[in-house]
Amino acid sequence: MAKKVFFSFHYQDVVEFRANVVRKHWVLKSDREEAGFFDKSIWEENKKDGDIALKKMINKALEYTSNTVVLTGTETFERPWVRYEIMKSFLRGNHLLVVHINNINGKDGKTKPKGRNPLEYVAACFSADGKTVTLKEYTDGNWVEYKKIDGKSTHICSPSMSSGYENKAIKLSSLYLSYDWTLDEGYKNFSSWLK
């Protein structure tokens, strides 16, 4: 059964074509079932409608998805809306994974150096009883509370989310895997990376 996937990415990687190679690779397969996913992502350029409207669009696009794939280029790790999509996906229980895309030739025919893993810059701090989680982001050289979801940093979490992590602070990069689209043969293996 094909999974519903939300792709998170920096819009510049769409302009340079790298993000589209991953998001549209299903076109070359015989059908969506073979590709293993349906794309539920939105375009970052919609930010002109304001923060509240963009949050509503992201939240709506995440509905009924089970996976959030962070397509990672050079600047993706520092994009505020990518962080929002990561944090919102984490709280809703989506499986997260990072796919590095800088080894894909851009529309200029060139590759770029590998970008930083965005999950290295966000963390979950679980309470001692495992009932709540406080979200944090690394910014300006410090770990600070992430309050961009409903104006608060601490949220109720499910027992399955916190199991084994009670009273611990964990970077999301230690909870989820990352892949390189080219080196890890994403065209062939992408559907196996999803849950």
Foldseek 3Di string as FASTA:
>chain_A
DAFEEEEAEDLVCVVQPLVVCQQVLQVPPPHRVQQRYDYLYDHPVVCVVDDVVVVVSLVVSCPRGQEYEYADDACSLPDPVSVVSVVVCLQVNHAYEYEYRQVPQTPVRHGDPTHDDNLQFKKWFAAQVRQKIFIWGQDPNDIDTDQPPVRGRMDGHDCVSCPPPHRHMGRVPVVHYYYYCPVVVCSNCVNVRGD
